[in-house]
Amino acid sequence: QVQLVESGGGLVQAGGSLRLSCTASGRTFSSSAMGWFRQAPGKEREFVANINWSGDRKYYADSMKGRFTISRDNAKNTVYLEMNKLEPEDTAVYSCAARSRYSIVLGTTPEQYDYWGQGTQVTVSS
């Protein structure tokens, strides 16, 4: 059974930082793109960032550029999201996702991903 498990969420003050982790089990995703999405209450799921299989291609949503950093450790089957200068508008459930096979297209929409974690809550207080 394939599982993606996120951790690292929590409550932080505006301007603070958090580091999210997403560890996969059940299969390896070392040749697949992985991504982070978030969903705030009453809003649609929103793309945050993605990363290719080797980690040398990364793409961020405009509002996250310069604040968030995505990385991965294939030996640990884990993808990370370092979040700095957090704002109350970043409050959401953050979920990681993985594509099932290699594609040159990393994917910025939920439909392009095949596996999902359950999400971790990030709350930023003002």
PDB file of N, CA and C in Angstrom:
ATOM      1  N   GLN A   1       0.841  -1.189   0.000  1.00  0.00           N
ATOM      2  CA  GLN A   1       0.000   0.000   0.000  1.00  0.00           C
ATOM      3  C   GLN A   1       0.880   1.244   0.000  1.00  0.00           C
ATOM      4  N   VAL A   2       0.616   2.118  -0.948  1.00  0.00           N
ATOM      5  CA  VAL A   2       1.396   3.353  -1.061  1.00  0.00           C
ATOM      6  C   VAL A   2       0.836   4.394  -0.105  1.00  0.00           C
ATOM      7  N   GLN A   3       1.727   5.014   0.647  1.00  0.00           N
ATOM      8  CA  GLN A   3       1.324   6.069   1.565  1.00  0.00           C
ATOM      9  C   GLN A   3       2.285   7.233   1.485  1.00  0.00           C
ATOM     10  N   LEU A   4       1.713   8.417   1.549  1.00  0.00           N
ATOM     11  CA  LEU A   4       2.494   9.640   1.703  1.00  0.00           C
ATOM     12  C   LEU A   4       2.071  10.249   3.030  1.00  0.00           C
ATOM     13  N   VAL A   5       3.035  10.502   3.891  1.00  0.00           N
ATOM     14  CA  VAL A   5       2.715  11.005   5.221  1.00  0.00           C
ATOM     15  C   VAL A   5       3.458  12.313   5.445  1.00  0.00           C
ATOM     16  N   GLU A   6       2.672  13.379   5.660  1.00  0.00           N
ATOM     17  CA  GLU A   6       3.257  14.691   5.922  1.00  0.00           C
ATOM     18  C   GLU A   6       3.455  14.900   7.421  1.00  0.00           C
ATOM     19  N   SER A   7       4.407  15.743   7.734  1.00  0.00           N
ATOM     20  CA  SER A   7       4.635  16.147   9.116  1.00  0.00           C
ATOM     21  C   SER A   7       5.278  17.525   9.113  1.00  0.00           C
ATOM     22  N   GLY A   8       5.295  18.152  10.290  1.00  0.00           N
ATOM     23  CA  GLY A   8       5.961  19.439  10.424  1.00  0.00           C
ATOM     24  C   GLY A   8       5.059  20.644  10.496  1.00  0.00           C
ATOM     25  N   GLY A   9       3.762  20.427  10.306  1.00  0.00           N
ATOM     26  CA  GLY A   9       2.842  21.554  10.405  1.00  0.00           C
ATOM     27  C   GLY A   9       2.695  22.019  11.843  1.00  0.00           C
ATOM     28  N   GLY A  10       1.999  23.131  12.005  1.00  0.00           N
ATOM     29  CA  GLY A  10       1.777  23.656  13.345  1.00  0.00           C
ATOM     30  C   GLY A  10       1.360  25.102  13.314  1.00  0.00           C
ATOM     31  N   LEU A  11       1.439  25.714  14.490  1.00  0.00           N
ATOM     32  CA  LEU A  11       1.064  27.122  14.669  1.00  0.00           C
ATOM     33  C   LEU A  11       2.338  27.960  14.751  1.00  0.00           C
ATOM     34  N   VAL A  12       2.388  29.016  13.968  1.00  0.00           N
ATOM     35  CA  VAL A  12       3.562  29.882  13.956  1.00  0.00           C
ATOM     36  C   VAL A  12       3.099  31.327  13.805  1.00  0.00           C
ATOM     37  N   GLN A  13       3.869  32.244  14.328  1.00  0.00           N
ATOM     38  CA  GLN A  13       3.546  33.664  14.187  1.00  0.00           C
ATOM     39  C   GLN A  13       3.971  34.158  12.802  1.00  0.00           C
ATOM     40  N   ALA A  14       3.312  35.207  12.368  1.00  0.00           N
ATOM     41  CA  ALA A  14       3.669  35.816  11.085  1.00  0.00           C
ATOM     42  C   ALA A  14       5.153  36.185  11.081  1.00  0.00           C
ATOM     43  N   GLY A  15       5.797  35.891   9.968  1.00  0.00           N
ATOM     44  CA  GLY A  15       7.223  36.113   9.853  1.00  0.00           C
ATOM     45  C   GLY A  15       8.070  34.917  10.222  1.00  0.00           C
ATOM     46  N   GLY A  16       7.431  33.920  10.802  1.00  0.00           N
ATOM     47  CA  GLY A  16       8.152  32.728  11.231  1.00  0.00           C
ATOM     48  C   GLY A  16       8.360  31.722  10.118  1.00  0.00           C
ATOM     49  N   SER A  17       8.889  30.573  10.499  1.00  0.00           N
ATOM     50  CA  SER A  17       9.255  29.534   9.533  1.00  0.00           C
ATOM     51  C   SER A  17       8.763  28.165   9.998  1.00  0.00           C
ATOM     52  N   LEU A  18       8.535  27.311   9.031  1.00  0.00           N
ATOM     53  CA  LEU A  18       8.226  25.910   9.278  1.00  0.00           C
ATOM     54  C   LEU A  18       8.859  25.076   8.177  1.00  0.00           C
ATOM     55  N   ARG A  19       9.163  23.840   8.514  1.00  0.00           N
ATOM     56  CA  ARG A  19       9.664  22.901   7.519  1.00  0.00           C
ATOM     57  C   ARG A  19       8.766  21.675   7.498  1.00  0.00           C
ATOM     58  N   LEU A  20       8.127  21.462   6.378  1.00  0.00           N
ATOM     59  CA  LEU A  20       7.260  20.304   6.200  1.00  0.00           C
ATOM     60  C   LEU A  20       8.044  19.163   5.559  1.00  0.00           C
ATOM     61  N   SER A  21       7.691  17.956   5.954  1.00  0.00           N
ATOM     62  CA  SER A  21       8.278  16.759   5.354  1.00  0.00           C
ATOM     63  C   SER A  21       7.167  15.859   4.848  1.00  0.00           C
ATOM     64  N   CYS A  22       7.471  15.116   3.829  1.00  0.00           N
ATOM     65  CA  CYS A  22       6.532  14.145   3.279  1.00  0.00           C
ATOM     66  C   CYS A  22       7.321  12.893   2.929  1.00  0.00           C
ATOM     67  N   THR A  23       7.028  11.824   3.647  1.00  0.00           N
ATOM     68  CA  THR A  23       7.753  10.571   3.440  1.00  0.00           C
ATOM     69  C   THR A  23       6.835   9.540   2.800  1.00  0.00           C
ATOM     70  N   ALA A  24       7.340   8.918   1.753  1.00  0.00           N
ATOM     71  CA  ALA A  24       6.564   7.926   1.025  1.00  0.00           C
ATOM     72  C   ALA A  24       6.955   6.519   1.462  1.00  0.00           C
ATOM     73  N   SER A  25       5.989   5.650   1.439  1.00  0.00           N
ATOM     74  CA  SER A  25       6.243   4.239   1.718  1.00  0.00           C
ATOM     75  C   SER A  25       5.407   3.407   0.758  1.00  0.00           C
ATOM     76  N   GLY A  26       5.804   2.195   0.568  1.00  0.00           N
ATOM     77  CA  GLY A  26       5.067   1.306  -0.317  1.00  0.00           C
ATOM     78  C   GLY A  26       5.635   1.229  -1.718  1.00  0.00           C
ATOM     79  N   ARG A  27       6.351   2.237  -2.127  1.00  0.00           N
ATOM     80  CA  ARG A  27       7.054   2.256  -3.407  1.00  0.00           C
ATOM     81  C   ARG A  27       8.001   3.443  -3.411  1.00  0.00           C
ATOM     82  N   THR A  28       8.917   3.453  -4.332  1.00  0.00           N
ATOM     83  CA  THR A  28       9.829   4.571  -4.454  1.00  0.00           C
ATOM     84  C   THR A  28       9.325   5.555  -5.503  1.00  0.00           C
ATOM     85  N   PHE A  29       9.569   6.828  -5.247  1.00  0.00           N
ATOM     86  CA  PHE A  29       9.204   7.878  -6.192  1.00  0.00           C
ATOM     87  C   PHE A  29      10.445   8.584  -6.714  1.00  0.00           C
ATOM     88  N   SER A  30      11.568   7.878  -6.682  1.00  0.00           N
ATOM     89  CA  SER A  30      12.835   8.501  -7.063  1.00  0.00           C
ATOM     90  C   SER A  30      12.884   8.907  -8.531  1.00  0.00           C
ATOM     91  N   SER A  31      11.986   8.408  -9.370  1.00  0.00           N
ATOM     92  CA  SER A  31      11.961   8.813 -10.771  1.00  0.00           C
ATOM     93  C   SER A  31      10.740   9.657 -11.102  1.00  0.00           C
ATOM     94  N   SER A  32      10.021  10.103 -10.073  1.00  0.00           N
ATOM     95  CA  SER A  32       8.768  10.837 -10.275  1.00  0.00           C
ATOM     96  C   SER A  32       8.845  12.250  -9.723  1.00  0.00           C
ATOM     97  N   ALA A  33       8.120  13.135 -10.371  1.00  0.00           N
ATOM     98  CA  ALA A  33       7.963  14.477  -9.825  1.00  0.00           C
ATOM     99  C   ALA A  33       7.068  14.425  -8.594  1.00  0.00           C
ATOM    100  N   MET A  34       7.336  15.321  -7.662  1.00  0.00           N
ATOM    101  CA  MET A  34       6.511  15.431  -6.474  1.00  0.00           C
ATOM    102  C   MET A  34       6.160  16.898  -6.266  1.00  0.00           C
ATOM    103  N   GLY A  35       5.076  17.127  -5.569  1.00  0.00           N
ATOM    104  CA  GLY A  35       4.636  18.494  -5.393  1.00  0.00           C
ATOM    105  C   GLY A  35       3.973  18.725  -4.054  1.00  0.00           C
ATOM    106  N   TRP A  36       3.797  19.988  -3.747  1.00  0.00           N
ATOM    107  CA  TRP A  36       3.041  20.415  -2.569  1.00  0.00           C
ATOM    108  C   TRP A  36       1.873  21.284  -3.024  1.00  0.00           C
ATOM    109  N   PHE A  37       0.733  21.045  -2.415  1.00  0.00           N
ATOM    110  CA  PHE A  37      -0.460  21.845  -2.632  1.00  0.00           C
ATOM    111  C   PHE A  37      -0.988  22.276  -1.274  1.00  0.00           C
ATOM    112  N   ARG A  38      -1.867  23.257  -1.274  1.00  0.00           N
ATOM    113  CA  ARG A  38      -2.496  23.672  -0.020  1.00  0.00           C
ATOM    114  C   ARG A  38      -3.945  24.023  -0.277  1.00  0.00           C
ATOM    115  N   GLN A  39      -4.729  23.909   0.785  1.00  0.00           N
ATOM    116  CA  GLN A  39      -6.142  24.239   0.697  1.00  0.00           C
ATOM    117  C   GLN A  39      -6.575  24.949   1.963  1.00  0.00           C
ATOM    118  N   ALA A  40      -7.031  26.161   1.798  1.00  0.00           N
ATOM    119  CA  ALA A  40      -7.558  26.943   2.906  1.00  0.00           C
ATOM    120  C   ALA A  40      -9.062  26.720   2.984  1.00  0.00           C
ATOM    121  N   PRO A  41      -9.655  26.948   4.151  1.00  0.00           N
ATOM    122  CA  PRO A  41     -11.109  26.758   4.292  1.00  0.00           C
ATOM    123  C   PRO A  41     -11.893  27.570   3.276  1.00  0.00           C
ATOM    124  N   GLY A  42     -12.813  26.930   2.591  1.00  0.00           N
ATOM    125  CA  GLY A  42     -13.660  27.617   1.630  1.00  0.00           C
ATOM    126  C   GLY A  42     -13.009  27.923   0.300  1.00  0.00           C
ATOM    127  N   LYS A  43     -11.770  27.449   0.125  1.00  0.00           N
ATOM    128  CA  LYS A  43     -11.052  27.719  -1.121  1.00  0.00           C
ATOM    129  C   LYS A  43     -10.675  26.421  -1.817  1.00  0.00           C
ATOM    130  N   GLU A  44     -10.382  26.531  -3.095  1.00  0.00           N
ATOM    131  CA  GLU A  44      -9.940  25.369  -3.852  1.00  0.00           C
ATOM    132  C   GLU A  44      -8.489  25.031  -3.524  1.00  0.00           C
ATOM    133  N   ARG A  45      -8.132  23.788  -3.808  1.00  0.00           N
ATOM    134  CA  ARG A  45      -6.756  23.371  -3.618  1.00  0.00           C
ATOM    135  C   ARG A  45      -5.850  24.194  -4.537  1.00  0.00           C
ATOM    136  N   GLU A  46      -4.730  24.630  -4.006  1.00  0.00           N
ATOM    137  CA  GLU A  46      -3.841  25.565  -4.691  1.00  0.00           C
ATOM    138  C   GLU A  46      -2.442  24.961  -4.809  1.00  0.00           C
ATOM    139  N   PHE A  47      -1.864  25.099  -5.986  1.00  0.00           N
ATOM    140  CA  PHE A  47      -0.495  24.636  -6.209  1.00  0.00           C
ATOM    141  C   PHE A  47       0.488  25.498  -5.423  1.00  0.00           C
ATOM    142  N   VAL A  48       1.476  24.831  -4.807  1.00  0.00           N
ATOM    143  CA  VAL A  48       2.505  25.539  -4.049  1.00  0.00           C
ATOM    144  C   VAL A  48       3.862  25.438  -4.753  1.00  0.00           C
ATOM    145  N   ALA A  49       4.325  24.206  -4.968  1.00  0.00           N
ATOM    146  CA  ALA A  49       5.637  23.996  -5.569  1.00  0.00           C
ATOM    147  C   ALA A  49       5.742  22.559  -6.057  1.00  0.00           C
ATOM    148  N   ASN A  50       6.658  22.336  -6.992  1.00  0.00           N
ATOM    149  CA  ASN A  50       6.955  20.972  -7.410  1.00  0.00           C
ATOM    150  C   ASN A  50       8.435  20.824  -7.692  1.00  0.00           C
ATOM    151  N   ILE A  51       8.851  19.581  -7.836  1.00  0.00           N
ATOM    152  CA  ILE A  51      10.261  19.280  -8.016  1.00  0.00           C
ATOM    153  C   ILE A  51      10.389  18.029  -8.864  1.00  0.00           C
ATOM    154  N   ASN A  52      11.372  18.017  -9.753  1.00  0.00           N
ATOM    155  CA  ASN A  52      11.520  16.851 -10.613  1.00  0.00           C
ATOM    156  C   ASN A  52      12.245  15.735  -9.864  1.00  0.00           C
ATOM    157  N   TRP A  53      12.434  14.600 -10.533  1.00  0.00           N
ATOM    158  CA  TRP A  53      12.946  13.416  -9.860  1.00  0.00           C
ATOM    159  C   TRP A  53      14.337  13.627  -9.275  1.00  0.00           C
ATOM    160  N   SER A  54      15.172  14.406  -9.945  1.00  0.00           N
ATOM    161  CA  SER A  54      16.554  14.568  -9.493  1.00  0.00           C
ATOM    162  C   SER A  54      16.743  15.787  -8.597  1.00  0.00           C
ATOM    163  N   GLY A  55      15.738  16.633  -8.539  1.00  0.00           N
ATOM    164  CA  GLY A  55      15.834  17.813  -7.691  1.00  0.00           C
ATOM    165  C   GLY A  55      16.450  19.034  -8.349  1.00  0.00           C
ATOM    166  N   ASP A  56      16.762  18.951  -9.628  1.00  0.00           N
ATOM    167  CA  ASP A  56      17.403  20.100 -10.266  1.00  0.00           C
ATOM    168  C   ASP A  56      16.414  20.977 -11.034  1.00  0.00           C
ATOM    169  N   ARG A  57      15.149  20.599 -11.017  1.00  0.00           N
ATOM    170  CA  ARG A  57      14.108  21.455 -11.581  1.00  0.00           C
ATOM    171  C   ARG A  57      13.050  21.669 -10.527  1.00  0.00           C
ATOM    172  N   LYS A  58      12.755  22.939 -10.260  1.00  0.00           N
ATOM    173  CA  LYS A  58      11.770  23.295  -9.244  1.00  0.00           C
ATOM    174  C   LYS A  58      10.909  24.421  -9.794  1.00  0.00           C
ATOM    175  N   TYR A  59       9.675  24.416  -9.390  1.00  0.00           N
ATOM    176  CA  TYR A  59       8.755  25.451  -9.845  1.00  0.00           C
ATOM    177  C   TYR A  59       7.875  25.842  -8.678  1.00  0.00           C
ATOM    178  N   TYR A  60       7.645  27.165  -8.553  1.00  0.00           N
ATOM    179  CA  TYR A  60       6.871  27.688  -7.428  1.00  0.00           C
ATOM    180  C   TYR A  60       5.723  28.555  -7.927  1.00  0.00           C
ATOM    181  N   ALA A  61       4.655  28.545  -7.185  1.00  0.00           N
ATOM    182  CA  ALA A  61       3.604  29.523  -7.428  1.00  0.00           C
ATOM    183  C   ALA A  61       4.161  30.910  -7.123  1.00  0.00           C
ATOM    184  N   ASP A  62       3.656  31.891  -7.801  1.00  0.00           N
ATOM    185  CA  ASP A  62       4.223  33.239  -7.697  1.00  0.00           C
ATOM    186  C   ASP A  62       4.279  33.751  -6.257  1.00  0.00           C
ATOM    187  N   SER A  63       3.243  33.504  -5.492  1.00  0.00           N
ATOM    188  CA  SER A  63       3.183  34.059  -4.139  1.00  0.00           C
ATOM    189  C   SER A  63       4.158  33.372  -3.178  1.00  0.00           C
ATOM    190  N   MET A  64       4.735  32.244  -3.585  1.00  0.00           N
ATOM    191  CA  MET A  64       5.664  31.514  -2.744  1.00  0.00           C
ATOM    192  C   MET A  64       7.121  31.737  -3.120  1.00  0.00           C
ATOM    193  N   LYS A  65       7.343  32.305  -4.294  1.00  0.00           N
ATOM    194  CA  LYS A  65       8.723  32.505  -4.751  1.00  0.00           C
ATOM    195  C   LYS A  65       9.494  33.388  -3.790  1.00  0.00           C
ATOM    196  N   GLY A  66      10.689  32.943  -3.447  1.00  0.00           N
ATOM    197  CA  GLY A  66      11.529  33.702  -2.536  1.00  0.00           C
ATOM    198  C   GLY A  66      11.255  33.434  -1.074  1.00  0.00           C
ATOM    199  N   ARG A  67      10.145  32.761  -0.771  1.00  0.00           N
ATOM    200  CA  ARG A  67       9.810  32.448   0.625  1.00  0.00           C
ATOM    201  C   ARG A  67       9.854  30.953   0.905  1.00  0.00           C
ATOM    202  N   PHE A  68       9.433  30.156  -0.073  1.00  0.00           N
ATOM    203  CA  PHE A  68       9.354  28.708   0.092  1.00  0.00           C
ATOM    204  C   PHE A  68      10.448  28.030  -0.733  1.00  0.00           C
ATOM    205  N   THR A  69      10.950  26.916  -0.224  1.00  0.00           N
ATOM    206  CA  THR A  69      11.949  26.121  -0.941  1.00  0.00           C
ATOM    207  C   THR A  69      11.571  24.654  -0.872  1.00  0.00           C
ATOM    208  N   ILE A  70      11.461  24.028  -2.025  1.00  0.00           N
ATOM    209  CA  ILE A  70      11.164  22.599  -2.091  1.00  0.00           C
ATOM    210  C   ILE A  70      12.466  21.844  -2.344  1.00  0.00           C
ATOM    211  N   SER A  71      12.592  20.691  -1.722  1.00  0.00           N
ATOM    212  CA  SER A  71      13.766  19.845  -1.928  1.00  0.00           C
ATOM    213  C   SER A  71      13.358  18.389  -1.720  1.00  0.00           C
ATOM    214  N   ARG A  72      14.255  17.483  -2.052  1.00  0.00           N
ATOM    215  CA  ARG A  72      13.939  16.074  -1.863  1.00  0.00           C
ATOM    216  C   ARG A  72      15.205  15.287  -1.558  1.00  0.00           C
ATOM    217  N   ASP A  73      14.993  14.169  -0.886  1.00  0.00           N
ATOM    218  CA  ASP A  73      16.060  13.214  -0.590  1.00  0.00           C
ATOM    219  C   ASP A  73      15.552  11.851  -1.043  1.00  0.00           C
ATOM    220  N   ASN A  74      15.993  11.429  -2.204  1.00  0.00           N
ATOM    221  CA  ASN A  74      15.479  10.173  -2.760  1.00  0.00           C
ATOM    222  C   ASN A  74      15.904   8.959  -1.938  1.00  0.00           C
ATOM    223  N   ALA A  75      17.024   9.057  -1.282  1.00  0.00           N
ATOM    224  CA  ALA A  75      17.462   7.945  -0.434  1.00  0.00           C
ATOM    225  C   ALA A  75      16.491   7.723   0.722  1.00  0.00           C
ATOM    226  N   LYS A  76      15.826   8.814   1.131  1.00  0.00           N
ATOM    227  CA  LYS A  76      14.853   8.730   2.224  1.00  0.00           C
ATOM    228  C   LYS A  76      13.425   8.724   1.709  1.00  0.00           C
ATOM    229  N   ASN A  77      13.263   8.782   0.389  1.00  0.00           N
ATOM    230  CA  ASN A  77      11.924   8.811  -0.207  1.00  0.00           C
ATOM    231  C   ASN A  77      11.094   9.949   0.382  1.00  0.00           C
ATOM    232  N   THR A  78      11.741  11.094   0.550  1.00  0.00           N
ATOM    233  CA  THR A  78      11.134  12.207   1.266  1.00  0.00           C
ATOM    234  C   THR A  78      11.280  13.503   0.465  1.00  0.00           C
ATOM    235  N   VAL A  79      10.231  14.308   0.501  1.00  0.00           N
ATOM    236  CA  VAL A  79      10.259  15.643  -0.078  1.00  0.00           C
ATOM    237  C   VAL A  79       9.978  16.643   1.034  1.00  0.00           C
ATOM    238  N   TYR A  80      10.613  17.795   0.942  1.00  0.00           N
ATOM    239  CA  TYR A  80      10.513  18.811   1.989  1.00  0.00           C
ATOM    240  C   TYR A  80       9.963  20.121   1.414  1.00  0.00           C
ATOM    241  N   LEU A  81       9.390  20.907   2.306  1.00  0.00           N
ATOM    242  CA  LEU A  81       8.983  22.258   1.949  1.00  0.00           C
ATOM    243  C   LEU A  81       9.397  23.172   3.095  1.00  0.00           C
ATOM    244  N   GLU A  82      10.414  23.976   2.831  1.00  0.00           N
ATOM    245  CA  GLU A  82      10.876  24.962   3.792  1.00  0.00           C
ATOM    246  C   GLU A  82      10.091  26.244   3.546  1.00  0.00           C
ATOM    247  N   MET A  83       9.415  26.727   4.580  1.00  0.00           N
ATOM    248  CA  MET A  83       8.565  27.913   4.436  1.00  0.00           C
ATOM    249  C   MET A  83       9.063  29.006   5.369  1.00  0.00           C
ATOM    250  N   ASN A  84       9.433  30.124   4.810  1.00  0.00           N
ATOM    251  CA  ASN A  84       9.936  31.266   5.566  1.00  0.00           C
ATOM    252  C   ASN A  84       9.028  32.475   5.357  1.00  0.00           C
ATOM    253  N   LYS A  85       9.180  33.458   6.221  1.00  0.00           N
ATOM    254  CA  LYS A  85       8.389  34.705   6.129  1.00  0.00           C
ATOM    255  C   LYS A  85       6.907  34.379   5.974  1.00  0.00           C
ATOM    256  N   LEU A  86       6.434  33.498   6.809  1.00  0.00           N
ATOM    257  CA  LEU A  86       5.047  33.070   6.707  1.00  0.00           C
ATOM    258  C   LEU A  86       4.088  34.209   7.021  1.00  0.00           C
ATOM    259  N   GLU A  87       2.970  34.206   6.308  1.00  0.00           N
ATOM    260  CA  GLU A  87       1.938  35.225   6.448  1.00  0.00           C
ATOM    261  C   GLU A  87       0.633  34.549   6.840  1.00  0.00           C
ATOM    262  N   PRO A  88      -0.267  35.278   7.481  1.00  0.00           N
ATOM    263  CA  PRO A  88      -1.572  34.669   7.821  1.00  0.00           C
ATOM    264  C   PRO A  88      -2.273  34.061   6.598  1.00  0.00           C
ATOM    265  N   GLU A  89      -2.034  34.630   5.429  1.00  0.00           N
ATOM    266  CA  GLU A  89      -2.649  34.111   4.203  1.00  0.00           C
ATOM    267  C   GLU A  89      -2.106  32.733   3.814  1.00  0.00           C
ATOM    268  N   ASP A  90      -1.022  32.298   4.441  1.00  0.00           N
ATOM    269  CA  ASP A  90      -0.470  30.964   4.183  1.00  0.00           C
ATOM    270  C   ASP A  90      -1.162  29.877   4.989  1.00  0.00           C
ATOM    271  N   THR A  91      -2.070  30.264   5.866  1.00  0.00           N
ATOM    272  CA  THR A  91      -2.798  29.294   6.675  1.00  0.00           C
ATOM    273  C   THR A  91      -3.620  28.375   5.786  1.00  0.00           C
ATOM    274  N   ALA A  92      -3.375  27.066   5.914  1.00  0.00           N
ATOM    275  CA  ALA A  92      -4.048  26.079   5.071  1.00  0.00           C
ATOM    276  C   ALA A  92      -3.610  24.684   5.500  1.00  0.00           C
ATOM    277  N   VAL A  93      -4.272  23.692   4.926  1.00  0.00           N
ATOM    278  CA  VAL A  93      -3.791  22.314   5.022  1.00  0.00           C
ATOM    279  C   VAL A  93      -2.860  22.080   3.842  1.00  0.00           C
ATOM    280  N   TYR A  94      -1.649  21.669   4.142  1.00  0.00           N
ATOM    281  CA  TYR A  94      -0.641  21.437   3.108  1.00  0.00           C
ATOM    282  C   TYR A  94      -0.535  19.938   2.854  1.00  0.00           C
ATOM    283  N   SER A  95      -0.617  19.575   1.582  1.00  0.00           N
ATOM    284  CA  SER A  95      -0.561  18.162   1.200  1.00  0.00           C
ATOM    285  C   SER A  95       0.535  17.943   0.166  1.00  0.00           C
ATOM    286  N   CYS A  96       1.213  16.817   0.283  1.00  0.00           N
ATOM    287  CA  CYS A  96       2.183  16.472  -0.750  1.00  0.00           C
ATOM    288  C   CYS A  96       1.540  15.494  -1.724  1.00  0.00           C
ATOM    289  N   ALA A  97       2.100  15.442  -2.911  1.00  0.00           N
ATOM    290  CA  ALA A  97       1.566  14.580  -3.958  1.00  0.00           C
ATOM    291  C   ALA A  97       2.697  14.057  -4.817  1.00  0.00           C
ATOM    292  N   ALA A  98       2.452  12.924  -5.444  1.00  0.00           N
ATOM    293  CA  ALA A  98       3.477  12.310  -6.283  1.00  0.00           C
ATOM    294  C   ALA A  98       2.858  11.805  -7.580  1.00  0.00           C
ATOM    295  N   ARG A  99       3.616  11.914  -8.649  1.00  0.00           N
ATOM    296  CA  ARG A  99       3.177  11.336  -9.910  1.00  0.00           C
ATOM    297  C   ARG A  99       3.605   9.859  -9.934  1.00  0.00           C
ATOM    298  N   SER A 100       2.856   9.058 -10.629  1.00  0.00           N
ATOM    299  CA  SER A 100       3.116   7.621 -10.584  1.00  0.00           C
ATOM    300  C   SER A 100       4.295   7.205 -11.454  1.00  0.00           C
ATOM    301  N   ARG A 101       4.619   7.990 -12.465  1.00  0.00           N
ATOM    302  CA  ARG A 101       5.721   7.625 -13.349  1.00  0.00           C
ATOM    303  C   ARG A 101       6.431   8.872 -13.833  1.00  0.00           C
ATOM    304  N   TYR A 102       7.584   8.656 -14.445  1.00  0.00           N
ATOM    305  CA  TYR A 102       8.376   9.781 -14.924  1.00  0.00           C
ATOM    306  C   TYR A 102       7.623  10.548 -16.008  1.00  0.00           C
ATOM    307  N   SER A 103       7.711  11.879 -15.926  1.00  0.00           N
ATOM    308  CA  SER A 103       7.201  12.753 -16.968  1.00  0.00           C
ATOM    309  C   SER A 103       8.053  14.006 -16.958  1.00  0.00           C
ATOM    310  N   ILE A 104       8.328  14.526 -18.137  1.00  0.00           N
ATOM    311  CA  ILE A 104       9.093  15.770 -18.208  1.00  0.00           C
ATOM    312  C   ILE A 104       8.257  16.932 -17.689  1.00  0.00           C
ATOM    313  N   VAL A 105       6.955  16.767 -17.711  1.00  0.00           N
ATOM    314  CA  VAL A 105       6.052  17.773 -17.169  1.00  0.00           C
ATOM    315  C   VAL A 105       5.908  17.533 -15.666  1.00  0.00           C
ATOM    316  N   LEU A 106       6.239  18.553 -14.876  1.00  0.00           N
ATOM    317  CA  LEU A 106       6.207  18.359 -13.428  1.00  0.00           C
ATOM    318  C   LEU A 106       4.786  18.356 -12.891  1.00  0.00           C
ATOM    319  N   GLY A 107       3.917  19.201 -13.430  1.00  0.00           N
ATOM    320  CA  GLY A 107       2.533  19.227 -12.989  1.00  0.00           C
ATOM    321  C   GLY A 107       2.247  20.300 -11.971  1.00  0.00           C
ATOM    322  N   THR A 108       1.260  21.146 -12.265  1.00  0.00           N
ATOM    323  CA  THR A 108       0.845  22.193 -11.335  1.00  0.00           C
ATOM    324  C   THR A 108      -0.630  22.095 -10.972  1.00  0.00           C
ATOM    325  N   THR A 109      -1.307  21.067 -11.453  1.00  0.00           N
ATOM    326  CA  THR A 109      -2.712  20.871 -11.102  1.00  0.00           C
ATOM    327  C   THR A 109      -2.880  19.557 -10.368  1.00  0.00           C
ATOM    328  N   PRO A 110      -3.851  19.481  -9.469  1.00  0.00           N
ATOM    329  CA  PRO A 110      -4.046  18.241  -8.703  1.00  0.00           C
ATOM    330  C   PRO A 110      -4.276  17.020  -9.593  1.00  0.00           C
ATOM    331  N   GLU A 111      -4.919  17.227 -10.725  1.00  0.00           N
ATOM    332  CA  GLU A 111      -5.250  16.101 -11.602  1.00  0.00           C
ATOM    333  C   GLU A 111      -4.008  15.422 -12.177  1.00  0.00           C
ATOM    334  N   GLN A 112      -2.888  16.106 -12.149  1.00  0.00           N
ATOM    335  CA  GLN A 112      -1.662  15.546 -12.703  1.00  0.00           C
ATOM    336  C   GLN A 112      -0.913  14.645 -11.718  1.00  0.00           C
ATOM    337  N   TYR A 113      -1.423  14.531 -10.518  1.00  0.00           N
ATOM    338  CA  TYR A 113      -0.772  13.721  -9.494  1.00  0.00           C
ATOM    339  C   TYR A 113      -1.633  12.517  -9.136  1.00  0.00           C
ATOM    340  N   ASP A 114      -0.957  11.422  -8.811  1.00  0.00           N
ATOM    341  CA  ASP A 114      -1.646  10.155  -8.598  1.00  0.00           C
ATOM    342  C   ASP A 114      -1.736   9.725  -7.147  1.00  0.00           C
ATOM    343  N   TYR A 115      -0.834  10.197  -6.330  1.00  0.00           N
ATOM    344  CA  TYR A 115      -0.821   9.805  -4.921  1.00  0.00           C
ATOM    345  C   TYR A 115      -0.807  11.060  -4.052  1.00  0.00           C
ATOM    346  N   TRP A 116      -1.528  10.981  -2.937  1.00  0.00           N
ATOM    347  CA  TRP A 116      -1.667  12.130  -2.057  1.00  0.00           C
ATOM    348  C   TRP A 116      -1.502  11.733  -0.599  1.00  0.00           C
ATOM    349  N   GLY A 117      -0.930  12.658   0.159  1.00  0.00           N
ATOM    350  CA  GLY A 117      -0.912  12.503   1.599  1.00  0.00           C
ATOM    351  C   GLY A 117      -2.189  13.052   2.201  1.00  0.00           C
ATOM    352  N   GLN A 118      -2.329  12.879   3.500  1.00  0.00           N
ATOM    353  CA  GLN A 118      -3.557  13.306   4.177  1.00  0.00           C
ATOM    354  C   GLN A 118      -3.532  14.784   4.534  1.00  0.00           C
ATOM    355  N   GLY A 119      -2.359  15.368   4.502  1.00  0.00           N
ATOM    356  CA  GLY A 119      -2.238  16.796   4.766  1.00  0.00           C
ATOM    357  C   GLY A 119      -1.792  17.098   6.186  1.00  0.00           C
ATOM    358  N   THR A 120      -1.197  18.261   6.350  1.00  0.00           N
ATOM    359  CA  THR A 120      -0.799  18.751   7.663  1.00  0.00           C
ATOM    360  C   THR A 120      -1.202  20.217   7.776  1.00  0.00           C
ATOM    361  N   GLN A 121      -1.754  20.574   8.925  1.00  0.00           N
ATOM    362  CA  GLN A 121      -2.281  21.929   9.117  1.00  0.00           C
ATOM    363  C   GLN A 121      -1.159  22.909   9.424  1.00  0.00           C
ATOM    364  N   VAL A 122      -1.170  24.011   8.715  1.00  0.00           N
ATOM    365  CA  VAL A 122      -0.265  25.133   8.991  1.00  0.00           C
ATOM    366  C   VAL A 122      -1.135  26.337   9.326  1.00  0.00           C
ATOM    367  N   THR A 123      -0.929  26.897  10.497  1.00  0.00           N
ATOM    368  CA  THR A 123      -1.685  28.068  10.931  1.00  0.00           C
ATOM    369  C   THR A 123      -0.715  29.184  11.266  1.00  0.00           C
ATOM    370  N   VAL A 124      -0.897  30.322  10.624  1.00  0.00           N
ATOM    371  CA  VAL A 124      -0.029  31.473  10.840  1.00  0.00           C
ATOM    372  C   VAL A 124      -0.842  32.563  11.517  1.00  0.00           C
ATOM    373  N   SER A 125      -0.441  32.949  12.700  1.00  0.00           N
ATOM    374  CA  SER A 125      -1.163  33.984  13.451  1.00  0.00           C
ATOM    375  C   SER A 125      -0.553  35.353  13.175  1.00  0.00           C
ATOM    376  N   SER A 126      -1.413  36.350  13.230  1.00  0.00           N
ATOM    377  CA  SER A 126      -0.942  37.715  12.945  1.00  0.00           C
ATOM    378  C   SER A 126      -0.481  38.415  14.208  1.00  0.00           C
TER     379      SER A 126
END
